[in-house]
């Protein structure tokens, strides 16, 4: 006669299968959280490093730099608020402003034109950014506010920057 022991230590095949199913479900849940985190990180990275974000940052810094150099009594806003012209001193010894800088939109580009006043002629035109939907300027006391809308088809950013003429 065969003797069968029923009190052996260990796990049955059913218990092993149940524990494997629980582990698989836990692994899938952890994997889903990791994938979702990676997707969120990628989306935020692309948003921060998009052309509209970096162009907006560059234009804001350039606008503030130009405004600090400008004469506070020579600020001209275009009749349609689409341009601003600022006068500045070419050197520390100049007694009156003898140069100008003009921000204006040309198509989908925002340009900065430098020139001399007498006779009035452009020396250089610098394209600050592309993908410009609109750009408007407002004079607020001795400050100028720029409202710039950048749209590259994927992302639309509105940048509002205000700076005070310092000279």
Foldseek 3Di string as FASTA:
>chain_A
DDDDDDPDDDDDPVVVVVVVVVVVVVVVVVVVVVVVVVVVVVVVVCVCPPQVNVLLVQVQVVVQVVQQQFDLVAWDADPVQQKIKTFGPPDPPDPDGFKMWMWGDDPQWIKIWIFTVVVTDTDDIGTSGGQWPGWGWDDDRSKIWIWTWGDPPPDIDTDIHIHGRND
